[in-house]
Structure formats: structure tokens, C-alpha cells
Protein backbone atom coordinates (compact mmCIF):
# COMPACT_ATOMS: atom_id res chain seq x y z
CA MET A 1 111.04 120.08 81.88
CA VAL A 2 111.65 117.64 85.02
CA PRO A 3 115.31 118.41 86.08
CA VAL A 4 117.80 115.43 86.11
CA ILE A 5 119.90 114.62 88.85
CA ALA A 6 123.13 112.52 88.41
CA LEU A 7 125.03 110.71 91.67
CA VAL A 8 128.56 110.33 90.57
CA GLY A 9 131.62 109.44 92.66
CA ARG A 10 134.93 106.41 92.87
CA PRO A 11 133.00 102.53 93.24
CA ASN A 12 131.74 101.64 96.70
CA VAL A 13 130.94 105.46 98.27
CA GLY A 14 127.17 104.89 98.48
CA LYS A 15 125.76 105.94 95.30
CA SER A 16 123.30 102.89 95.13
CA THR A 17 122.11 103.17 98.43
CA MET A 18 121.51 106.54 98.07
CA PHE A 19 119.82 106.00 94.71
CA ASN A 20 116.94 103.78 96.85
CA ARG A 21 116.43 105.47 99.29
CA LEU A 22 115.39 108.62 96.87
CA THR A 23 113.89 106.78 95.19
CA LYS A 24 112.00 104.58 97.49
CA THR A 25 112.87 101.06 95.33
CA ARG A 26 115.39 98.81 95.84
CA ASP A 27 116.49 99.19 92.46
CA ALA A 28 115.73 101.79 89.36
CA ILE A 29 112.06 102.02 87.82
CA VAL A 30 113.55 101.41 84.64
CA GLY A 31 116.75 100.01 85.79
CA ASP A 32 116.95 97.30 82.53
CA LEU A 33 115.95 99.93 80.34
CA SER A 34 117.12 99.46 76.50
CA GLY A 35 119.61 101.93 75.38
CA LEU A 36 121.23 101.83 79.14
CA THR A 37 124.47 100.14 80.68
CA ARG A 38 124.24 97.86 83.22
CA ASP A 39 125.81 100.05 85.97
CA ARG A 40 123.63 103.28 84.74
CA GLN A 41 120.25 103.54 86.31
CA TYR A 42 117.27 106.03 85.80
CA GLY A 43 114.64 106.34 88.49
CA ASP A 44 111.55 108.81 88.92
CA ALA A 45 111.73 110.54 92.35
CA SER A 46 110.18 113.26 94.62
CA TRP A 47 110.83 115.29 97.38
CA GLN A 48 108.21 117.10 99.47
CA GLY A 49 106.31 117.95 96.79
CA ARG A 50 109.28 118.47 93.93
CA SER A 51 109.69 115.79 91.00
CA PHE A 52 113.00 115.03 89.48
CA ILE A 53 115.35 111.79 87.30
CA LEU A 54 117.66 110.30 89.19
CA ILE A 55 120.69 108.75 87.58
CA ASP A 56 122.62 106.15 89.25
CA THR A 57 126.13 105.96 87.91
CA GLY A 58 128.67 103.41 87.78
CA GLY A 59 131.87 104.10 89.67
CA ILE A 60 135.04 105.93 88.27
CA THR A 61 138.48 105.57 89.29
CA GLY A 62 140.16 106.77 85.84
CA ASP A 63 142.62 104.27 85.56
CA GLU A 64 139.93 101.79 84.31
CA VAL A 65 140.37 99.56 81.38
CA GLY A 66 137.91 97.31 79.00
CA MET A 67 134.52 97.04 80.51
CA ASP A 68 135.24 99.10 83.50
CA GLU A 69 136.22 101.73 80.81
CA LYS A 70 133.48 101.60 79.19
CA MET A 71 130.99 101.88 82.25
CA ALA A 72 133.10 104.73 83.39
CA GLU A 73 132.48 106.51 80.06
CA GLN A 74 129.06 106.46 80.65
CA SER A 75 129.12 107.79 84.34
CA LEU A 76 130.83 110.88 82.26
CA MET A 77 128.01 111.15 79.59
CA ALA A 78 125.27 111.14 82.70
CA ILE A 79 127.43 114.01 84.43
CA GLU A 80 126.78 115.69 80.28
CA GLU A 81 123.03 115.11 80.83
CA ALA A 82 122.35 116.05 84.44
CA ASP A 83 121.27 119.25 85.16
CA TYR A 84 122.72 118.92 88.89
CA VAL A 85 125.34 116.52 90.46
CA LEU A 86 125.61 115.03 93.84
CA PHE A 87 128.97 114.36 93.84
CA LEU A 88 129.39 111.49 96.61
CA VAL A 89 132.89 110.57 98.88
CA ASP A 90 133.38 107.92 101.49
CA ALA A 91 134.33 109.86 104.83
CA ARG A 92 135.71 106.70 106.02
CA ALA A 93 138.02 106.27 103.45
CA GLY A 94 139.19 109.89 102.81
CA MET A 95 140.10 112.22 99.54
CA THR A 96 141.47 109.81 96.84
CA ALA A 97 143.53 110.50 93.81
CA ALA A 98 140.11 109.36 91.71
CA ASP A 99 137.90 111.97 94.18
CA GLN A 100 140.18 114.90 92.83
CA MET A 101 139.80 113.70 89.45
CA ILE A 102 136.08 113.72 89.57
CA ALA A 103 135.85 117.28 91.13
CA GLU A 104 138.46 118.46 88.18
CA HIS A 105 136.04 117.45 85.68
CA LEU A 106 132.65 118.55 86.91
CA ARG A 107 135.04 122.24 87.31
CA LYS A 108 136.08 121.69 83.64
CA ARG A 109 132.48 121.13 82.33
CA ASN A 110 131.12 123.93 84.98
CA LYS A 111 128.43 121.52 86.43
CA GLU A 112 126.93 122.78 89.42
CA ALA A 113 127.47 120.27 91.61
CA ILE A 114 126.76 119.46 95.75
CA LEU A 115 129.37 117.46 97.62
CA VAL A 116 128.56 114.66 100.17
CA ALA A 117 129.96 112.81 102.81
CA ASN A 118 128.81 109.71 102.93
CA LYS A 119 129.27 107.14 105.35
CA ILE A 120 129.93 109.64 108.29
CA ASP A 121 128.86 107.43 110.77
CA ASN A 122 131.04 107.68 113.92
CA ILE A 123 133.00 110.40 111.97
CA ASP A 124 133.28 113.84 113.23
CA ALA A 125 131.47 115.89 110.85
CA ASP A 126 133.58 118.82 110.58
CA VAL A 127 136.68 116.14 110.16
CA ALA A 128 134.97 114.67 107.06
CA ARG A 129 134.66 118.70 106.04
CA ALA A 130 138.16 119.98 106.33
CA GLU A 131 139.38 116.60 104.64
CA PHE A 132 137.52 116.85 101.63
CA SER A 133 137.91 120.73 101.58
CA PRO A 134 141.12 120.77 98.68
CA LEU A 135 138.44 119.52 96.37
CA GLY A 136 137.22 123.12 95.91
CA MET A 137 133.58 121.71 95.96
CA GLY A 138 132.24 123.80 99.17
CA ASN A 139 131.81 122.54 102.25
CA ALA A 140 130.57 118.45 101.73
CA ILE A 141 127.03 118.10 103.28
CA PRO A 142 127.62 115.25 105.66
CA VAL A 143 124.91 111.82 105.23
CA ALA A 144 124.72 108.06 106.39
CA GLY A 145 122.53 106.57 103.27
CA SER A 146 122.26 103.05 104.57
CA GLN A 147 121.01 104.67 107.81
CA GLY A 148 119.33 107.72 106.32
CA ARG A 149 120.67 110.14 108.68
CA GLY A 150 121.18 113.58 107.31
CA ILE A 151 119.19 112.75 103.88
CA ASN A 152 116.47 115.42 105.01
CA ALA A 153 119.62 118.62 105.27
CA LEU A 154 121.04 117.12 101.92
CA MET A 155 117.16 117.62 100.14
CA GLU A 156 116.89 120.82 102.04
CA VAL A 157 119.90 122.22 99.68
CA VAL A 158 118.89 119.98 96.68
CA LEU A 159 115.52 121.36 96.42
CA GLY A 160 117.50 125.22 96.53
CA HIS A 161 118.52 124.47 93.15
CA LEU A 162 115.41 123.07 91.49
CA PRO A 163 113.38 125.72 90.04
CA ARG A 164 109.24 126.05 91.21
CA ASP A 165 108.83 126.28 87.29
CA GLN A 166 110.43 122.76 86.83
CA VAL A 167 107.99 121.09 89.03
CA GLU A 168 105.92 118.92 87.62
CA GLU A 169 101.90 120.38 86.99
CA ALA A 170 100.21 117.20 88.44
CA LEU A 171 102.10 117.37 92.10
CA ASP A 172 100.26 120.52 92.44
CA ALA A 173 96.62 118.73 92.10
CA GLU A 174 96.78 117.98 96.18
CA VAL A 175 93.96 119.46 97.81
CA ALA A 176 93.19 119.96 101.89
CA GLU A 177 91.55 116.54 103.52
CA GLY A 178 87.61 116.51 102.92
CA GLU A 179 87.82 118.84 100.00
CA GLU A 180 86.74 118.71 96.53
CA ALA A 181 90.16 119.05 94.38
CA VAL A 182 90.07 122.56 92.68
CA ARG A 183 93.49 122.87 91.49
CA ILE A 184 93.12 120.27 88.66
CA PRO A 185 95.59 121.03 85.78
CA GLY A 186 94.31 121.02 82.34
CA PRO A 187 95.71 121.92 79.01
CA SER A 188 97.12 125.15 78.73
CA GLU A 189 96.26 128.14 76.64
CA LYS A 190 99.39 127.58 74.51
CA ASP A 191 100.05 124.15 74.31
CA GLY A 192 96.83 122.91 74.59
CA ILE A 193 96.93 118.86 75.57
CA LYS A 194 100.64 117.94 75.72
CA ILE A 195 100.76 114.31 73.67
CA ALA A 196 104.36 112.63 74.35
CA ILE A 197 105.21 109.87 71.23
CA ILE A 198 107.66 107.45 73.29
CA GLY A 199 108.56 104.28 71.71
CA ARG A 200 111.78 102.11 70.76
CA PRO A 201 113.80 103.61 67.82
CA ASN A 202 112.50 102.62 64.23
CA VAL A 203 108.77 101.96 65.74
CA GLY A 204 107.53 104.66 63.61
CA LYS A 205 107.09 107.41 65.70
CA SER A 206 107.88 110.44 63.63
CA THR A 207 106.04 109.25 60.79
CA LEU A 208 103.21 108.86 63.21
CA VAL A 209 103.35 112.60 64.01
CA ASN A 210 103.88 113.46 60.54
CA ARG A 211 100.93 111.40 59.45
CA MET A 212 98.51 112.77 62.93
CA LEU A 213 99.79 116.59 61.56
CA GLY A 214 99.45 115.99 57.82
CA GLU A 215 102.84 117.52 56.80
CA GLU A 216 106.65 116.52 57.31
CA ARG A 217 107.36 118.41 60.32
CA VAL A 218 109.80 115.53 61.61
CA VAL A 219 112.59 113.99 60.26
CA VAL A 220 112.03 110.95 58.84
CA TYR A 221 114.53 107.86 57.78
CA ASP A 222 114.43 104.04 57.81
CA GLN A 223 117.46 103.95 60.36
CA PRO A 224 117.21 104.25 64.37
CA GLY A 225 118.19 107.20 66.04
CA THR A 226 117.38 110.00 63.61
CA THR A 227 115.38 111.64 65.86
CA ARG A 228 118.09 113.34 68.09
CA ASP A 229 116.29 115.17 70.44
CA SER A 230 112.48 115.83 71.63
CA ILE A 231 110.86 117.86 69.70
CA TYR A 232 107.86 120.12 70.30
CA ILE A 233 104.97 120.88 68.03
CA PRO A 234 102.15 123.00 68.76
CA PHE A 235 99.31 122.25 66.35
CA GLU A 236 95.31 122.82 66.06
CA ARG A 237 92.46 120.35 65.05
CA ASP A 238 88.99 120.12 65.20
CA ASP A 239 89.37 123.66 67.15
CA GLU A 240 91.75 121.57 70.11
CA LYS A 241 94.95 122.64 71.04
CA TYR A 242 97.39 120.22 71.17
CA THR A 243 101.60 119.99 71.57
CA PHE A 244 103.40 116.99 70.44
CA ILE A 245 106.40 115.87 72.28
CA ASP A 246 108.34 113.74 69.48
CA THR A 247 110.96 111.64 71.62
CA ALA A 248 114.51 110.50 70.27
CA GLY A 249 114.04 106.63 70.55
CA VAL A 250 115.13 104.62 73.70
CA ARG A 251 117.95 102.15 71.50
CA LYS A 252 118.82 98.65 72.70
CA ARG A 253 122.03 98.31 74.82
CA GLY A 254 124.85 97.29 72.60
CA LYS A 255 123.64 98.65 69.49
CA ILE A 256 124.78 102.96 70.54
CA HIS A 257 127.28 104.44 68.42
CA GLU A 258 126.82 107.98 68.54
CA GLU A 259 127.19 110.30 71.60
CA VAL A 260 124.53 112.33 70.83
CA GLU A 261 122.10 109.10 70.60
CA LYS A 262 123.40 108.17 73.95
CA PHE A 263 121.07 111.14 75.26
CA SER A 264 117.76 110.10 74.11
CA VAL A 265 116.88 108.11 77.28
CA VAL A 266 116.75 110.81 79.59
CA LYS A 267 115.22 112.90 76.98
CA THR A 268 112.19 110.31 76.66
CA LEU A 269 112.08 110.25 80.59
CA GLN A 270 111.44 114.02 80.86
CA ALA A 271 109.22 114.29 77.89
CA ILE A 272 107.12 111.64 79.44
CA LYS A 273 106.73 113.49 82.82
CA ASP A 274 106.23 116.83 80.95
CA ALA A 275 103.09 115.28 78.82
CA ASN A 276 99.45 114.88 80.02
CA VAL A 277 99.08 111.76 77.68
CA VAL A 278 101.44 109.20 76.12
CA ILE A 279 100.97 107.85 72.94
CA PHE A 280 103.43 104.52 73.36
CA VAL A 281 104.43 103.23 69.78
CA MET A 282 105.16 99.45 69.38
CA ASP A 283 106.18 97.44 66.23
CA ALA A 284 103.47 95.06 65.67
CA ARG A 285 105.80 92.86 63.49
CA GLU A 286 108.40 92.43 66.58
CA GLY A 287 105.06 91.81 68.93
CA VAL A 288 105.68 92.81 72.67
CA VAL A 289 109.50 93.16 73.69
CA ASP A 290 110.87 93.86 77.23
CA HIS A 291 112.29 96.99 75.98
CA ASP A 292 108.79 98.04 75.95
CA LEU A 293 107.34 96.92 79.40
CA ASN A 294 110.31 99.02 80.90
CA LEU A 295 109.89 102.17 79.02
CA LEU A 296 105.94 101.61 79.44
CA GLY A 297 106.22 101.02 82.88
CA PHE A 298 108.26 104.51 83.55
CA ALA A 299 104.94 106.01 81.80
CA LEU A 300 102.49 104.02 84.61
CA GLU A 301 104.52 105.04 87.69
CA ALA A 302 105.01 108.60 86.53
CA GLY A 303 101.15 108.20 86.72
CA ARG A 304 100.40 109.17 82.48
CA ALA A 305 97.22 108.54 80.78
CA ILE A 306 98.44 106.01 78.04
CA VAL A 307 97.22 105.07 74.51
CA ILE A 308 99.13 102.21 72.79
CA ALA A 309 99.45 102.34 68.95
CA LEU A 310 100.37 99.08 67.68
CA ASN A 311 102.20 100.40 64.10
CA LYS A 312 102.88 98.38 60.87
CA TRP A 313 99.58 96.18 61.30
CA ASP A 314 99.12 96.37 57.45
CA GLY A 315 101.04 93.61 55.18
CA MET A 316 100.42 90.54 58.56
CA GLN A 317 98.58 88.00 58.04
CA PRO A 318 95.66 86.78 59.72
CA GLY A 319 97.81 84.45 62.37
CA GLU A 320 100.31 86.31 63.29
CA ARG A 321 97.87 89.20 64.11
CA ASP A 322 95.96 86.69 66.37
CA TYR A 323 98.91 85.49 67.88
CA VAL A 324 100.08 89.23 68.37
CA LYS A 325 96.48 90.04 70.29
CA THR A 326 96.95 86.90 72.80
CA GLU A 327 100.60 88.34 73.21
CA LEU A 328 99.14 91.86 74.84
CA GLU A 329 96.50 90.48 76.49
CA ARG A 330 99.24 88.14 78.49
CA ARG A 331 101.90 90.63 78.66
CA LEU A 332 100.00 93.88 78.96
CA PHE A 333 97.53 93.03 81.64
CA PHE A 334 98.70 95.89 83.71
CA VAL A 335 97.25 98.38 81.56
CA ASP A 336 94.32 96.47 80.71
CA PHE A 337 92.78 100.52 80.98
CA ALA A 338 94.76 101.62 77.97
CA ASP A 339 93.07 101.96 74.76
CA ILE A 340 94.82 99.60 71.81
CA HIS A 341 94.91 100.86 68.03
CA PHE A 342 95.72 98.97 65.39
CA ILE A 343 97.26 101.09 62.97
CA SER A 344 99.56 102.07 60.28
CA ALA A 345 101.45 105.21 60.65
CA LEU A 346 102.64 105.29 56.74
CA HIS A 347 99.45 104.84 54.94
CA GLY A 348 97.76 106.06 57.84
CA THR A 349 95.18 103.47 58.57
CA GLY A 350 93.75 103.80 61.99
CA VAL A 351 95.05 106.64 62.99
CA GLY A 352 92.20 109.08 62.95
CA ASN A 353 90.71 107.59 66.29
CA LEU A 354 94.11 107.73 68.15
CA TYR A 355 92.47 111.82 69.16
CA LYS A 356 89.29 110.34 70.46
CA SER A 357 91.42 108.37 72.92
CA VAL A 358 93.67 111.08 73.69
CA GLN A 359 90.86 112.79 74.34
CA ALA A 360 89.11 110.01 76.53
CA ALA A 361 92.36 109.59 78.22
CA PHE A 362 92.76 113.05 79.05
CA LYS A 363 89.09 113.56 80.33
CA SER A 364 89.38 110.88 82.62
CA ALA A 365 93.25 111.65 84.32
CA VAL A 366 91.85 115.28 85.10
CA THR A 367 87.72 115.11 86.03
CA ARG A 368 86.95 115.91 89.32
CA TRP A 369 83.95 114.03 90.96
CA PRO A 370 82.96 115.87 94.67
CA THR A 371 83.18 113.92 98.05
CA SER A 372 80.11 112.31 97.81
CA ARG A 373 80.27 110.72 94.84
CA LEU A 374 83.46 109.27 95.65
CA THR A 375 81.88 108.46 99.39
CA GLN A 376 78.64 107.00 97.94
CA ILE A 377 80.97 104.60 95.56
CA LEU A 378 83.14 103.49 97.96
CA GLU A 379 79.57 102.92 100.09
CA ASP A 380 78.60 100.79 97.76
CA ALA A 381 81.58 98.80 97.12
CA VAL A 382 81.99 97.91 100.88
CA SER A 383 78.43 96.76 100.98
CA GLU A 384 79.28 94.20 97.89
CA HIS A 385 81.92 93.05 99.11
CA GLN A 386 83.59 94.02 102.98
CA PRO A 387 86.88 94.40 103.65
CA PRO A 388 88.35 91.90 105.49
CA LEU A 389 88.97 90.85 109.52
CA VAL A 390 91.71 91.97 110.96
CA ASN A 391 92.46 89.95 114.56
CA GLY A 392 89.09 89.59 114.91
CA ARG A 393 88.07 93.26 113.95
CA ARG A 394 86.67 94.25 110.84
CA ILE A 395 88.64 97.17 108.69
CA LYS A 396 86.16 100.38 108.26
CA LEU A 397 86.05 102.64 105.59
CA ARG A 398 84.52 105.76 106.36
CA TYR A 399 84.28 108.20 103.21
CA ALA A 400 86.34 108.94 100.09
CA HIS A 401 87.63 112.71 98.37
CA LEU A 402 89.77 113.42 95.66
CA GLY A 403 93.13 114.18 96.37
CA GLY A 404 94.89 115.42 92.66
CA ALA A 405 94.87 114.60 89.59
CA ASN A 406 96.87 113.18 86.25
CA PRO A 407 96.79 110.67 87.52
CA PRO A 408 93.26 110.83 90.01
CA LEU A 409 93.90 110.78 93.04
CA ILE A 410 91.88 108.69 95.98
CA VAL A 411 91.99 109.48 99.02
CA ILE A 412 90.14 107.18 101.42
CA HIS A 413 89.06 107.52 105.30
CA GLY A 414 88.78 105.25 107.87
CA ASN A 415 89.79 102.66 110.76
CA GLN A 416 93.26 99.98 110.49
CA THR A 417 93.35 101.33 107.06
CA GLU A 418 97.08 100.72 107.35
CA LYS A 419 96.12 96.35 106.97
CA ILE A 420 93.99 96.40 103.81
CA PRO A 421 95.71 93.76 101.58
CA LYS A 422 96.22 94.50 98.13
CA SER A 423 93.59 92.30 96.51
CA TYR A 424 91.19 94.38 98.40
CA SER A 425 93.03 98.15 97.06
CA ARG A 426 92.66 96.46 93.42
CA TYR A 427 89.23 95.63 93.85
CA LEU A 428 88.29 99.38 94.78
CA GLU A 429 90.61 100.42 92.08
CA ASN A 430 88.45 98.73 89.82
CA THR A 431 85.36 99.49 91.06
CA TYR A 432 86.04 103.18 90.73
CA ARG A 433 87.25 102.89 87.78
CA ARG A 434 83.85 100.67 86.44
CA VAL A 435 81.38 103.27 88.31
CA LEU A 436 83.32 106.27 87.17
CA LYS A 437 84.08 104.71 83.09
CA LEU A 438 87.75 106.00 83.59
CA VAL A 439 89.91 104.90 80.42
CA GLY A 440 93.27 105.20 79.67
CA THR A 441 94.89 106.58 83.15
CA PRO A 442 95.95 104.66 86.26
CA ILE A 443 94.42 105.59 88.96
CA ARG A 444 95.61 105.68 92.78
CA ILE A 445 94.18 105.26 95.84
CA GLU A 446 96.01 106.07 99.36
CA TYR A 447 94.33 105.50 102.19
CA LYS A 448 94.57 107.74 106.10
CA GLY A 449 93.51 106.09 109.06
CA GLY A 450 91.69 107.64 112.12
CA GLU A 451 93.86 108.04 115.62
CA ASN A 452 92.51 107.03 118.51
CA PRO A 453 92.83 109.87 121.03
CA TYR A 454 93.54 107.19 124.13
CA GLU A 455 95.63 105.10 122.66
CA GLY A 456 98.35 105.14 124.96
CA LYS A 457 96.66 106.92 127.34
CA LYS A 458 96.34 105.51 131.19
CA ASN A 459 92.29 106.13 132.30
CA THR A 460 92.03 108.49 134.98
CA LEU A 461 89.03 108.00 137.51
CA THR A 462 87.50 110.63 138.92
CA ASP A 463 87.01 110.99 142.62
CA ARG A 464 83.28 109.75 142.07
CA GLN A 465 84.69 106.80 140.12
CA VAL A 466 87.41 106.41 142.95
CA ASN A 467 84.94 106.36 145.91
CA LYS A 468 82.52 104.35 144.18
CA LYS A 469 85.35 101.61 143.44
CA ARG A 470 85.85 101.63 147.47
CA ARG A 471 82.69 100.95 148.38
CA LEU A 472 82.65 98.00 145.72
CA MET A 473 85.67 96.56 147.03
CA SER A 474 85.00 96.98 150.43
CA HIS A 475 81.71 95.11 150.09
CA HIS A 476 83.52 92.49 147.89
CA LYS A 477 85.30 91.67 150.75
CA LYS A 478 82.58 91.88 153.68
CA ALA A 479 80.29 89.18 151.27
CA GLU A 480 83.50 86.85 150.82
CA LYS A 481 84.53 87.25 154.45
CA LYS A 482 80.44 85.89 155.21
CA ARG A 483 81.13 83.04 152.71
CA ARG A 484 84.28 82.08 154.29
CA ASP A 485 82.38 82.01 158.04
CA LYS A 486 79.96 79.70 157.22
CA ARG A 487 81.79 76.97 156.08
């Protein structure tokens, strides 16, 4: 399972800056995911190939009232659901009572925490460590989050706390430049293809699992939140092994009442990271809502193969169905590569076809192609539509090879690749998808530019070239003198 790291501390110690630095975004990938308060954000992060989920929490002072009290409550919840905690303190302000309160809470919960002294700019690191030593959290790691100073040292410590068996399998699929992919992740002998069933509460996820399994394996009630944890269900169908991951639904903000349901978000995100294929279940009667888009966006960002199931299709009038289909085309354009099934999990209509799409999506996500094949597709694409000119020079794309799978990563080598516009990248992505007949999986394209070995170097002439240059200059001066004398 992908580990979860929470950033905690009192207000304005730099948690959000650290969050953006580690997730390489300006806000959370799923920052407005349903079930979250406005000061609790989840992001997908990785460092040196190690993947983890990062939680940015609201500040804790210990004297909150009203809305601040609710936000502090959510921050303490984040501590509970995290595997590890980065406890941020402000080196400029020094230790406060709120810092001591948070440290005491971490000790009581027996949470593994790393003390981080942020805003170390123009402050002696040893002085900062001494300042916060009474917290009893070990030596503080000094960083300046806004400038990125100390982040590498911090992450080296963090990586030491992340077990290798929790690293996302797909990230180990990288290969050396120019080589064919040889470490493509596939279904394990034990689990087979792992399928995460995700979606908002009460859209019919557990009913769908039971229908696909043909038995009552998951408790089903007409009440949101009846699935309290992610449930792993291994099974076989047509001699193929699968494992269903039935996740707790992600509740809409403001409708979470029981403490146990507040933990559903992170378990859903972990299930997405742990799966090979995601079946995204939506309620056809409600159409496409923003909470669906946010959750679907996280699955896409995680690079998972996707199959979309529009449940509760039965009983809808033709006009209602036409409207929903129009909305799907308009709002789900960013996953137009995914198969969409209109089903009734309760009655079984259309459910059997999901397996075919799961197999096709998984095959597309993990199939490997030789360098010659990918390069030929690139050459044909460039021949049909050349890259744009940059300062009068044409961008040159030389060859392509597979860099990983689940999702497929195609590495393209050439000159001035850093100047390739997004529109041309989309053109190449669509070309590869069409030619390779890929369905259900996103594609990632990475560019590598060729370095000019003479760039920035002054040209040094040989002795022969120097003598020739002198003779030419002498000849030029004599010829110029003759022209002046004739005048």
C-alpha cells in the first residue's frame, strides 16, 4: 500500500509551501475532493522513484473555537490516518505553546514523526536545533521551503522511513535510455489484475462488486458510508485471476458525521495507487458532478487505466439518457480514451461487458513495443505534421523508446525538445494512441534533448589555422593599401 505522510504544525509555519514543493504543484491534485475540509488537501507525490500520498492540514493552536476548531479537528484526523508525520515549526518565531501541544499529541498517539525547522533563512541551524530540542522530537532538520533549501536532505531522511515494499510497482518499470522495456509490471500470480472500484458513496460500488462476483461478499445498504474500509476480494473468472478493491465512498463535504467515515478519502486514494485498473462508478441519475471530476482526476494523475461505469441506467427516460450522454461528452473529454458502460448493478444489465474493457485497458497499459516500432510511428507522425520552427530552426525528433508502463511512458529524443508546444505533444499522444490501438489508459510522453558538446566553448585554432589566418590578414592589408594608393 502506498504510504501516507501528513504535514502538521501551527498556522503559517509553511506547510502549504512544503506541500506545493513536494507535489510540484500550486495546489493539491484533488484539493477540492468531496469529504475534505477547505484546509485539508491531498496530493500525489514522489521522490527518487518513491511514491507517497501527502496531506496538507490546517494549523493547530490549541485555542480554536467555531470553524477553526473544526479545522483543527481535521488536522488531528490527518495525523491518525497518516503513516508518517512531518512536524513543521517556524525557526524565526521559535518554540511556542502550540508546538509543545502538537508534540505531546504525537507522542501520545505513538506516531513516527520528523521534526522540520522551516524558514531557516539567515538563521544558524545549530541555534534552531537547540531552540526546539525541548520538544523531545529529536534533532530538527533545517529547511527553507520557499527557496527549496534543505529539501533534498529532508527527503533523504523521509525515504529512510518508507519501506521498499510500499513503493508503487509501476515506478520500477523504468529502463535505460534506448533499451526496450523489460520490467513491465503485470498481474501477480496471487492477486491477478487488481481492480479498484471507486466513486462517491451510494453510487452502487458494493452492489456492482457483488453482481460481478455473483455473490454477497460486500455489505450493501441504501445508506452512504456502509463500506468503512477498502476490502480486497480475490476471485477467478474464465481462468483469469482478479482482485477487487472495494473502497469506502468519498462523501460530499459537510455530510460526514461519523469519525470512521472521515478516513475514507485516503483509503480511496491508496486503492487507486495500488490498483492496475480503476472502474469508476457514477450515478446516471445525478449526471456528472464536480466531485466525480476531482476523483477521476486523481486516478488519471496516478496514471491508472480507467473504465467508466454509469450505474442506475435502468428506469431513466430516453430524454434523460440523451442529456446524460451529452454531459459525458462535454465534461469527460479529458478521458475520452476510456470505455463507458451504461449498467444496472442491481439487475445486472451491461455488467458482464466490464470484464472485456478491464482486460483491454490493462493490456494497453502494460504491453511493450520495440524501439524500432515506436521510432517508426514518430517518423511517420513528423512526416505528416512537422514540429514548429523555433527562432528559424526546426525542432528535430530523432527516435523514441519505451520508458515504462502502467501508464505507458514513451521517451522521445531530439533537439530543442524543451520548446515543443503542448499542442504538438497532444498530436503525438493521439497518434501513438491511434496507431497502437490503445484504450483505457493514459499515455505519458517525456522528451530528452541532445546536448551540443561545443556549446559555451570557445573555438581554439590549431597552429596551422593561426598561420593561415595571419597570411590572409597580411594579404588583405596589402590589397587595401594598394587600393588607397591608386586613389
